[in-house]
Amino acid sequence: MVPAMFVQAQAPSNPLVGFLPILLIFAIFYFLLFLPMQRQKKRQQQMLRELQSGQRVLTTGGILGTIVALEDDTLVLRVKPDNVKIQVARSAVSAVIPEKTS
């Protein structure tokens, strides 16, 4: 039998301490990955809502064109040099090309 003075009483462990690293990693992922992705998605949706006829746009397929007509989910682009008109999905627009002010 072990004398009572050599027996160590174990302090009750806090379950939060065990989950703290996991919570910390989740917080880092949220602030470095998820939050910027949500902001970028909101900016992209706002840009798609604010498209207007006459703007030059770039599609995800790399096509540069000028918006001729807008519909709910599609738009018609005029592509130079032969003034060909193509219909693309509104969601295919990746960027609005700013006008050059020379």
N, C-alpha and C. Protein backbone atom coordinates (compact mmCIF):
# COMPACT_ATOMS: atom_id res chain seq x y z
N MET A 1 0.82 -1.16 0.00
CA MET A 1 0.00 0.00 0.00
C MET A 1 0.88 1.24 0.00
N VAL A 2 0.44 2.26 -0.75
CA VAL A 2 1.20 3.50 -0.91
C VAL A 2 0.74 4.47 0.16
N PRO A 3 1.71 5.11 0.81
CA PRO A 3 1.32 6.09 1.82
C PRO A 3 0.52 7.24 1.19
N ALA A 4 -0.33 7.85 1.95
CA ALA A 4 -1.24 8.89 1.48
C ALA A 4 -0.51 10.12 0.99
N MET A 5 0.69 10.38 1.49
CA MET A 5 1.39 11.58 1.06
C MET A 5 1.95 11.46 -0.35
N PHE A 6 2.07 10.23 -0.88
CA PHE A 6 2.58 10.05 -2.24
C PHE A 6 1.47 9.98 -3.30
N VAL A 7 0.25 9.92 -2.87
CA VAL A 7 -0.86 9.86 -3.80
C VAL A 7 -1.18 11.29 -4.25
N GLN A 8 -1.17 11.49 -5.56
CA GLN A 8 -1.45 12.82 -6.09
C GLN A 8 -2.91 12.89 -6.52
N ALA A 9 -3.53 13.93 -6.11
CA ALA A 9 -4.92 14.13 -6.52
C ALA A 9 -4.92 14.80 -7.90
N GLN A 10 -5.67 14.23 -8.82
CA GLN A 10 -5.73 14.80 -10.16
C GLN A 10 -6.78 15.90 -10.19
N ALA A 11 -6.36 17.03 -10.73
CA ALA A 11 -7.28 18.15 -10.85
C ALA A 11 -8.27 17.83 -11.97
N PRO A 12 -9.51 18.19 -11.78
CA PRO A 12 -10.48 17.92 -12.84
C PRO A 12 -10.10 18.73 -14.09
N SER A 13 -10.00 18.05 -15.24
CA SER A 13 -9.59 18.73 -16.48
C SER A 13 -10.80 19.43 -17.09
N ASN A 14 -10.53 20.61 -17.64
CA ASN A 14 -11.57 21.41 -18.26
C ASN A 14 -11.77 20.92 -19.71
N PRO A 15 -12.98 20.55 -20.10
CA PRO A 15 -13.17 20.06 -21.47
C PRO A 15 -12.94 21.13 -22.53
N LEU A 16 -13.04 22.40 -22.14
CA LEU A 16 -12.82 23.49 -23.09
C LEU A 16 -11.36 23.55 -23.54
N VAL A 17 -10.45 23.18 -22.65
CA VAL A 17 -9.02 23.20 -22.97
C VAL A 17 -8.72 22.20 -24.09
N GLY A 18 -9.42 21.08 -24.10
CA GLY A 18 -9.21 20.08 -25.15
C GLY A 18 -9.72 20.55 -26.50
N PHE A 19 -10.79 21.35 -26.51
CA PHE A 19 -11.36 21.83 -27.76
C PHE A 19 -10.77 23.16 -28.21
N LEU A 20 -9.98 23.79 -27.39
CA LEU A 20 -9.43 25.10 -27.72
C LEU A 20 -8.61 25.11 -29.02
N PRO A 21 -7.73 24.14 -29.26
CA PRO A 21 -6.99 24.15 -30.54
C PRO A 21 -7.91 24.00 -31.75
N ILE A 22 -8.92 23.17 -31.62
CA ILE A 22 -9.85 22.97 -32.73
C ILE A 22 -10.63 24.26 -33.00
N LEU A 23 -11.09 24.92 -31.94
CA LEU A 23 -11.80 26.18 -32.08
C LEU A 23 -10.90 27.26 -32.69
N LEU A 24 -9.65 27.28 -32.28
CA LEU A 24 -8.69 28.25 -32.82
C LEU A 24 -8.46 28.03 -34.31
N ILE A 25 -8.31 26.78 -34.72
CA ILE A 25 -8.12 26.46 -36.14
C ILE A 25 -9.35 26.85 -36.95
N PHE A 26 -10.55 26.58 -36.41
CA PHE A 26 -11.78 26.95 -37.10
C PHE A 26 -11.87 28.47 -37.25
N ALA A 27 -11.50 29.22 -36.22
CA ALA A 27 -11.55 30.68 -36.29
C ALA A 27 -10.58 31.20 -37.35
N ILE A 28 -9.39 30.62 -37.43
CA ILE A 28 -8.41 31.03 -38.43
C ILE A 28 -8.94 30.76 -39.83
N PHE A 29 -9.49 29.57 -40.06
CA PHE A 29 -10.07 29.25 -41.36
C PHE A 29 -11.20 30.20 -41.71
N TYR A 30 -12.03 30.53 -40.74
CA TYR A 30 -13.16 31.41 -41.00
C TYR A 30 -12.68 32.78 -41.45
N PHE A 31 -11.73 33.37 -40.73
CA PHE A 31 -11.28 34.72 -41.04
C PHE A 31 -10.36 34.78 -42.25
N LEU A 32 -9.65 33.70 -42.56
CA LEU A 32 -8.73 33.73 -43.70
C LEU A 32 -9.32 33.18 -44.98
N LEU A 33 -10.33 32.30 -44.88
CA LEU A 33 -10.88 31.68 -46.08
C LEU A 33 -12.35 32.01 -46.32
N PHE A 34 -13.19 31.70 -45.37
CA PHE A 34 -14.63 31.79 -45.59
C PHE A 34 -15.12 33.23 -45.68
N LEU A 35 -14.68 34.10 -44.81
CA LEU A 35 -15.14 35.48 -44.82
C LEU A 35 -14.75 36.21 -46.11
N PRO A 36 -13.49 36.10 -46.59
CA PRO A 36 -13.15 36.75 -47.87
C PRO A 36 -13.92 36.15 -49.05
N MET A 37 -14.19 34.84 -49.03
CA MET A 37 -14.95 34.23 -50.11
C MET A 37 -16.38 34.74 -50.13
N GLN A 38 -16.99 34.94 -48.96
CA GLN A 38 -18.34 35.48 -48.88
C GLN A 38 -18.37 36.92 -49.40
N ARG A 39 -17.38 37.70 -49.05
CA ARG A 39 -17.32 39.09 -49.53
C ARG A 39 -17.16 39.15 -51.04
N GLN A 40 -16.29 38.30 -51.58
CA GLN A 40 -16.08 38.27 -53.02
C GLN A 40 -17.35 37.84 -53.75
N LYS A 41 -18.06 36.86 -53.20
CA LYS A 41 -19.30 36.40 -53.81
C LYS A 41 -20.35 37.50 -53.81
N LYS A 42 -20.44 38.28 -52.73
CA LYS A 42 -21.39 39.39 -52.67
C LYS A 42 -21.05 40.46 -53.68
N ARG A 43 -19.75 40.78 -53.83
CA ARG A 43 -19.33 41.78 -54.82
C ARG A 43 -19.66 41.32 -56.24
N GLN A 44 -19.44 40.03 -56.52
CA GLN A 44 -19.73 39.48 -57.85
C GLN A 44 -21.23 39.53 -58.14
N GLN A 45 -22.07 39.18 -57.17
CA GLN A 45 -23.51 39.23 -57.36
C GLN A 45 -23.99 40.67 -57.57
N GLN A 46 -23.41 41.60 -56.84
CA GLN A 46 -23.78 43.01 -57.00
C GLN A 46 -23.39 43.50 -58.39
N MET A 47 -22.20 43.11 -58.86
CA MET A 47 -21.75 43.50 -60.18
C MET A 47 -22.69 42.94 -61.25
N LEU A 48 -23.14 41.70 -61.09
CA LEU A 48 -24.04 41.10 -62.07
C LEU A 48 -25.40 41.78 -62.07
N ARG A 49 -25.88 42.22 -60.90
CA ARG A 49 -27.16 42.92 -60.82
C ARG A 49 -27.09 44.30 -61.47
N GLU A 50 -25.93 44.94 -61.41
CA GLU A 50 -25.78 46.32 -61.90
C GLU A 50 -25.32 46.42 -63.35
N LEU A 51 -25.30 45.30 -64.09
CA LEU A 51 -24.89 45.35 -65.49
C LEU A 51 -25.87 46.20 -66.28
N GLN A 52 -25.31 46.98 -67.22
CA GLN A 52 -26.12 47.87 -68.05
C GLN A 52 -25.72 47.73 -69.50
N SER A 53 -26.63 48.06 -70.37
CA SER A 53 -26.36 48.02 -71.79
C SER A 53 -25.28 49.05 -72.13
N GLY A 54 -24.36 48.66 -72.99
CA GLY A 54 -23.27 49.55 -73.39
C GLY A 54 -21.97 49.31 -72.64
N GLN A 55 -22.00 48.51 -71.57
CA GLN A 55 -20.77 48.24 -70.83
C GLN A 55 -19.96 47.15 -71.53
N ARG A 56 -18.63 47.29 -71.46
CA ARG A 56 -17.74 46.24 -71.97
C ARG A 56 -17.48 45.26 -70.84
N VAL A 57 -17.60 43.97 -71.15
CA VAL A 57 -17.44 42.94 -70.14
C VAL A 57 -16.51 41.84 -70.62
N LEU A 58 -15.99 41.10 -69.67
CA LEU A 58 -15.15 39.93 -69.92
C LEU A 58 -15.88 38.73 -69.35
N THR A 59 -16.04 37.67 -70.16
CA THR A 59 -16.71 36.47 -69.68
C THR A 59 -15.68 35.50 -69.12
N THR A 60 -16.19 34.47 -68.45
CA THR A 60 -15.29 33.47 -67.88
C THR A 60 -14.58 32.68 -68.98
N GLY A 61 -15.14 32.67 -70.18
CA GLY A 61 -14.51 31.99 -71.31
C GLY A 61 -13.48 32.84 -72.02
N GLY A 62 -13.30 34.09 -71.57
CA GLY A 62 -12.30 34.96 -72.16
C GLY A 62 -12.81 35.81 -73.30
N ILE A 63 -14.11 35.90 -73.46
CA ILE A 63 -14.69 36.70 -74.54
C ILE A 63 -14.89 38.13 -74.06
N LEU A 64 -14.39 39.08 -74.84
CA LEU A 64 -14.60 40.49 -74.58
C LEU A 64 -15.71 40.99 -75.48
N GLY A 65 -16.69 41.68 -74.90
CA GLY A 65 -17.78 42.17 -75.71
C GLY A 65 -18.50 43.32 -75.04
N THR A 66 -19.38 43.95 -75.80
CA THR A 66 -20.19 45.05 -75.30
C THR A 66 -21.62 44.55 -75.15
N ILE A 67 -22.24 44.88 -74.03
CA ILE A 67 -23.61 44.43 -73.78
C ILE A 67 -24.56 45.20 -74.70
N VAL A 68 -25.38 44.45 -75.44
CA VAL A 68 -26.36 45.04 -76.34
C VAL A 68 -27.75 44.96 -75.73
N ALA A 69 -28.08 43.82 -75.13
CA ALA A 69 -29.40 43.62 -74.54
C ALA A 69 -29.27 42.79 -73.26
N LEU A 70 -30.14 43.09 -72.31
CA LEU A 70 -30.16 42.37 -71.04
C LEU A 70 -31.51 41.69 -70.86
N GLU A 71 -31.47 40.46 -70.37
CA GLU A 71 -32.67 39.75 -69.98
C GLU A 71 -32.49 39.30 -68.54
N ASP A 72 -33.38 38.47 -68.04
CA ASP A 72 -33.28 38.04 -66.64
C ASP A 72 -31.98 37.29 -66.35
N ASP A 73 -31.78 36.19 -67.06
CA ASP A 73 -30.61 35.34 -66.79
C ASP A 73 -29.58 35.36 -67.91
N THR A 74 -29.85 36.05 -68.99
CA THR A 74 -28.93 36.08 -70.12
C THR A 74 -28.70 37.51 -70.57
N LEU A 75 -27.70 37.67 -71.40
CA LEU A 75 -27.44 38.95 -72.03
C LEU A 75 -26.84 38.71 -73.40
N VAL A 76 -26.98 39.69 -74.26
CA VAL A 76 -26.46 39.60 -75.63
C VAL A 76 -25.24 40.51 -75.71
N LEU A 77 -24.14 39.92 -76.19
CA LEU A 77 -22.88 40.66 -76.34
C LEU A 77 -22.59 40.89 -77.81
N ARG A 78 -22.07 42.06 -78.13
CA ARG A 78 -21.57 42.35 -79.47
C ARG A 78 -20.06 42.20 -79.40
N VAL A 79 -19.54 41.29 -80.23
CA VAL A 79 -18.12 40.99 -80.23
C VAL A 79 -17.51 41.56 -81.50
N LYS A 80 -16.45 42.34 -81.36
CA LYS A 80 -15.77 42.93 -82.51
C LYS A 80 -14.82 41.89 -83.09
N PRO A 81 -14.34 41.97 -84.28
CA PRO A 81 -14.39 43.05 -85.24
C PRO A 81 -15.57 42.95 -86.20
N ASP A 82 -16.26 41.81 -86.25
CA ASP A 82 -17.34 41.65 -87.24
C ASP A 82 -18.72 41.96 -86.66
N ASN A 83 -18.77 42.54 -85.46
CA ASN A 83 -20.03 42.86 -84.79
C ASN A 83 -20.95 41.65 -84.65
N VAL A 84 -20.36 40.53 -84.34
CA VAL A 84 -21.13 39.30 -84.10
C VAL A 84 -21.83 39.43 -82.75
N LYS A 85 -23.08 39.02 -82.69
CA LYS A 85 -23.83 39.06 -81.43
C LYS A 85 -23.98 37.65 -80.90
N ILE A 86 -23.64 37.47 -79.63
CA ILE A 86 -23.78 36.17 -78.99
C ILE A 86 -24.58 36.33 -77.70
N GLN A 87 -25.28 35.27 -77.34
CA GLN A 87 -26.06 35.29 -76.11
C GLN A 87 -25.31 34.45 -75.08
N VAL A 88 -25.08 35.02 -73.91
CA VAL A 88 -24.37 34.31 -72.84
C VAL A 88 -25.17 34.42 -71.55
N ALA A 89 -24.90 33.52 -70.65
CA ALA A 89 -25.53 33.58 -69.33
C ALA A 89 -24.98 34.76 -68.56
N ARG A 90 -25.83 35.39 -67.80
CA ARG A 90 -25.40 36.53 -66.99
C ARG A 90 -24.30 36.11 -66.02
N SER A 91 -24.40 34.90 -65.50
CA SER A 91 -23.41 34.42 -64.53
C SER A 91 -22.04 34.17 -65.17
N ALA A 92 -21.97 34.16 -66.50
CA ALA A 92 -20.69 33.95 -67.18
C ALA A 92 -19.83 35.21 -67.21
N VAL A 93 -20.39 36.35 -66.84
CA VAL A 93 -19.62 37.60 -66.83
C VAL A 93 -18.73 37.59 -65.60
N SER A 94 -17.44 37.75 -65.83
CA SER A 94 -16.51 37.74 -64.70
C SER A 94 -16.05 39.14 -64.30
N ALA A 95 -16.08 40.08 -65.24
CA ALA A 95 -15.62 41.44 -64.91
C ALA A 95 -16.17 42.45 -65.90
N VAL A 96 -16.33 43.66 -65.39
CA VAL A 96 -16.69 44.80 -66.24
C VAL A 96 -15.40 45.54 -66.56
N ILE A 97 -15.16 45.78 -67.84
CA ILE A 97 -13.95 46.46 -68.28
C ILE A 97 -14.21 47.97 -68.18
N PRO A 98 -13.41 48.68 -67.38
CA PRO A 98 -13.64 50.13 -67.26
C PRO A 98 -13.31 50.85 -68.58
N GLU A 99 -14.06 51.91 -68.83
CA GLU A 99 -13.81 52.71 -70.03
C GLU A 99 -12.52 53.50 -69.86
N LYS A 100 -11.78 53.61 -70.95
CA LYS A 100 -10.53 54.37 -70.92
C LYS A 100 -10.87 55.86 -71.05
N THR A 101 -10.33 56.63 -70.15
CA THR A 101 -10.54 58.09 -70.22
C THR A 101 -9.24 58.73 -70.68
N SER A 102 -9.11 58.90 -71.99
CA SER A 102 -7.88 59.47 -72.54
C SER A 102 -8.05 60.93 -72.80
